[in-house]
Every structure is written in structure tokens, then in C-alpha cells.
Amino acid sequence: MTARRASVPHVIPYQGSKRRLADDILRYVPNHVERLIEPFCGSAAVSLAVAARFPEVDLLLNDSHP
């Protein structure tokens, strides 16, 4: 994956949000990812960052709160 800078609006103010860490987390994602699984999505900060930069990646979100 090659990161494209995008401004991702966040509609859910979430105390445990990974929004500020999303760029750092994405550095550990391998280059050719077909699916990203976010097991503790909360406000889905990482998935939103991935969707904005890499729209071809399939996202699977999970959380204990439906």
C-alpha cells in the first residue's frame, strides 16, 4: 500500500479513539493487503483511515457493542 493523505472527518467523539494513532498504525500494514480486520473498532478510526487512503481494501469491523 502506498499512503495517500486524506482528511477523514470523524463524527463520533470516542474517548478510546485511535484516530491520532491511525497513521502510525498504518505503517505496520503490509503493502498488498486485501482485507483489514479491525477487532476493536470503537469509532472505526483505523478503518476510516484505510478506507480514505486505500478504497480497494475490504474492511471487516468488529466490536462488543453492536
N, C-alpha and C. Protein backbone atom coordinates (compact mmCIF):
# COMPACT_ATOMS: atom_id res chain seq x y z
N MET A 1 0.83 -1.18 0.00
CA MET A 1 0.00 0.00 0.00
C MET A 1 0.88 1.24 0.00
N THR A 2 0.46 2.20 -0.75
CA THR A 2 1.13 3.49 -0.73
C THR A 2 0.13 4.49 -0.17
N ALA A 3 0.48 5.13 0.92
CA ALA A 3 -0.47 6.02 1.61
C ALA A 3 -0.73 7.29 0.81
N ARG A 4 -1.98 7.65 0.73
CA ARG A 4 -2.40 8.93 0.17
C ARG A 4 -2.95 9.74 1.32
N ARG A 5 -2.53 10.97 1.47
CA ARG A 5 -3.01 11.83 2.55
C ARG A 5 -4.46 12.21 2.28
N ALA A 6 -5.29 12.04 3.27
CA ALA A 6 -6.69 12.42 3.16
C ALA A 6 -7.16 12.92 4.51
N SER A 7 -8.02 13.90 4.47
CA SER A 7 -8.61 14.39 5.70
C SER A 7 -9.88 13.60 5.94
N VAL A 8 -9.89 12.84 7.02
CA VAL A 8 -11.03 11.98 7.32
C VAL A 8 -11.84 12.60 8.44
N PRO A 9 -13.06 13.06 8.13
CA PRO A 9 -13.89 13.62 9.20
C PRO A 9 -14.30 12.53 10.17
N HIS A 10 -14.44 12.89 11.41
CA HIS A 10 -14.85 11.93 12.43
C HIS A 10 -16.12 12.42 13.10
N VAL A 11 -17.17 11.64 12.98
CA VAL A 11 -18.47 12.07 13.50
C VAL A 11 -18.73 11.59 14.92
N ILE A 12 -17.91 10.64 15.40
CA ILE A 12 -18.13 10.08 16.73
C ILE A 12 -16.97 10.46 17.65
N PRO A 13 -17.19 11.35 18.61
CA PRO A 13 -16.12 11.62 19.58
C PRO A 13 -16.03 10.44 20.54
N TYR A 14 -14.94 9.72 20.51
CA TYR A 14 -14.80 8.47 21.24
C TYR A 14 -13.53 8.54 22.07
N GLN A 15 -13.65 8.36 23.36
CA GLN A 15 -12.52 8.52 24.27
C GLN A 15 -11.35 7.60 23.93
N GLY A 16 -11.60 6.38 23.52
CA GLY A 16 -10.53 5.44 23.21
C GLY A 16 -10.16 5.42 21.74
N SER A 17 -10.49 6.47 21.02
CA SER A 17 -10.27 6.52 19.58
C SER A 17 -8.79 6.38 19.22
N LYS A 18 -8.55 5.67 18.12
CA LYS A 18 -7.20 5.51 17.59
C LYS A 18 -6.96 6.49 16.44
N ARG A 19 -7.77 7.53 16.34
CA ARG A 19 -7.66 8.46 15.23
C ARG A 19 -6.28 9.10 15.15
N ARG A 20 -5.75 9.55 16.27
CA ARG A 20 -4.42 10.18 16.26
C ARG A 20 -3.31 9.18 15.98
N LEU A 21 -3.59 7.91 16.24
CA LEU A 21 -2.59 6.86 16.02
C LEU A 21 -2.72 6.18 14.66
N ALA A 22 -3.76 6.50 13.91
CA ALA A 22 -4.05 5.78 12.67
C ALA A 22 -2.87 5.79 11.70
N ASP A 23 -2.23 6.92 11.49
CA ASP A 23 -1.07 6.96 10.58
C ASP A 23 0.05 6.05 11.06
N ASP A 24 0.31 6.06 12.36
CA ASP A 24 1.35 5.19 12.92
C ASP A 24 0.97 3.72 12.78
N ILE A 25 -0.28 3.39 13.02
CA ILE A 25 -0.75 2.01 12.89
C ILE A 25 -0.64 1.54 11.44
N LEU A 26 -1.00 2.40 10.49
CA LEU A 26 -0.98 2.02 9.08
C LEU A 26 0.43 1.74 8.57
N ARG A 27 1.43 2.25 9.24
CA ARG A 27 2.83 1.96 8.85
C ARG A 27 3.16 0.48 9.00
N TYR A 28 2.42 -0.23 9.84
CA TYR A 28 2.67 -1.64 10.08
C TYR A 28 1.84 -2.56 9.20
N VAL A 29 1.01 -1.98 8.36
CA VAL A 29 0.19 -2.78 7.45
C VAL A 29 1.03 -3.10 6.22
N PRO A 30 1.13 -4.37 5.84
CA PRO A 30 1.91 -4.74 4.65
C PRO A 30 1.40 -4.07 3.38
N ASN A 31 2.23 -4.03 2.36
CA ASN A 31 1.93 -3.31 1.12
C ASN A 31 0.73 -3.83 0.34
N HIS A 32 0.54 -5.12 0.27
CA HIS A 32 -0.53 -5.67 -0.57
C HIS A 32 -1.57 -6.36 0.30
N VAL A 33 -2.39 -5.58 0.94
CA VAL A 33 -3.43 -6.11 1.82
C VAL A 33 -4.76 -6.09 1.08
N GLU A 34 -5.46 -7.21 1.13
CA GLU A 34 -6.78 -7.28 0.51
C GLU A 34 -7.88 -7.01 1.52
N ARG A 35 -7.64 -7.38 2.80
CA ARG A 35 -8.66 -7.20 3.83
C ARG A 35 -7.99 -6.74 5.13
N LEU A 36 -8.61 -5.74 5.76
CA LEU A 36 -8.16 -5.30 7.07
C LEU A 36 -9.25 -5.65 8.06
N ILE A 37 -8.88 -6.35 9.13
CA ILE A 37 -9.82 -6.71 10.18
C ILE A 37 -9.51 -5.85 11.39
N GLU A 38 -10.49 -5.06 11.81
CA GLU A 38 -10.32 -4.22 12.99
C GLU A 38 -11.14 -4.85 14.12
N PRO A 39 -10.47 -5.62 15.01
CA PRO A 39 -11.20 -6.38 16.02
C PRO A 39 -11.83 -5.53 17.12
N PHE A 40 -11.28 -4.37 17.39
CA PHE A 40 -11.82 -3.48 18.42
C PHE A 40 -12.10 -2.14 17.77
N CYS A 41 -13.14 -2.06 16.95
CA CYS A 41 -13.30 -0.89 16.09
C CYS A 41 -13.71 0.38 16.83
N GLY A 42 -14.50 0.29 17.88
CA GLY A 42 -14.90 1.52 18.57
C GLY A 42 -15.51 2.51 17.60
N SER A 43 -14.81 3.59 17.32
CA SER A 43 -15.31 4.59 16.36
C SER A 43 -14.80 4.31 14.95
N ALA A 44 -14.14 3.17 14.76
CA ALA A 44 -13.63 2.72 13.45
C ALA A 44 -12.59 3.68 12.87
N ALA A 45 -11.78 4.29 13.72
CA ALA A 45 -10.78 5.27 13.27
C ALA A 45 -9.78 4.68 12.28
N VAL A 46 -9.30 3.49 12.55
CA VAL A 46 -8.32 2.88 11.65
C VAL A 46 -8.99 2.49 10.34
N SER A 47 -10.17 1.91 10.42
CA SER A 47 -10.89 1.53 9.19
C SER A 47 -11.23 2.75 8.34
N LEU A 48 -11.63 3.84 8.97
CA LEU A 48 -11.92 5.06 8.22
C LEU A 48 -10.66 5.59 7.53
N ALA A 49 -9.53 5.53 8.21
CA ALA A 49 -8.27 5.97 7.61
C ALA A 49 -7.90 5.08 6.43
N VAL A 50 -8.07 3.77 6.59
CA VAL A 50 -7.78 2.85 5.49
C VAL A 50 -8.72 3.09 4.32
N ALA A 51 -10.01 3.25 4.59
CA ALA A 51 -10.99 3.48 3.52
C ALA A 51 -10.69 4.75 2.75
N ALA A 52 -10.23 5.79 3.44
CA ALA A 52 -9.91 7.05 2.78
C ALA A 52 -8.67 6.94 1.90
N ARG A 53 -7.70 6.16 2.34
CA ARG A 53 -6.43 6.08 1.62
C ARG A 53 -6.37 4.92 0.64
N PHE A 54 -7.05 3.82 0.96
CA PHE A 54 -6.97 2.61 0.16
C PHE A 54 -8.37 2.04 -0.07
N PRO A 55 -9.18 2.68 -0.92
CA PRO A 55 -10.58 2.26 -1.07
C PRO A 55 -10.76 0.84 -1.59
N GLU A 56 -9.72 0.25 -2.15
CA GLU A 56 -9.83 -1.11 -2.68
C GLU A 56 -9.74 -2.18 -1.60
N VAL A 57 -9.35 -1.83 -0.39
CA VAL A 57 -9.19 -2.80 0.70
C VAL A 57 -10.56 -3.13 1.30
N ASP A 58 -10.82 -4.42 1.46
CA ASP A 58 -12.04 -4.90 2.09
C ASP A 58 -11.89 -4.73 3.60
N LEU A 59 -12.89 -4.18 4.27
CA LEU A 59 -12.82 -3.93 5.71
C LEU A 59 -13.80 -4.82 6.46
N LEU A 60 -13.32 -5.39 7.56
CA LEU A 60 -14.17 -6.17 8.44
C LEU A 60 -14.04 -5.57 9.84
N LEU A 61 -15.14 -5.04 10.36
CA LEU A 61 -15.13 -4.39 11.67
C LEU A 61 -15.84 -5.25 12.70
N ASN A 62 -15.32 -5.23 13.91
CA ASN A 62 -15.92 -5.98 15.00
C ASN A 62 -15.85 -5.13 16.27
N ASP A 63 -16.81 -5.29 17.14
CA ASP A 63 -16.79 -4.62 18.43
C ASP A 63 -17.79 -5.32 19.33
N SER A 64 -17.64 -5.17 20.62
CA SER A 64 -18.58 -5.82 21.52
C SER A 64 -19.92 -5.08 21.60
N HIS A 65 -19.95 -3.83 21.12
CA HIS A 65 -21.19 -3.06 21.11
C HIS A 65 -21.76 -3.03 19.70
N PRO A 66 -22.91 -3.65 19.49
CA PRO A 66 -23.48 -3.70 18.14
C PRO A 66 -23.79 -2.33 17.59
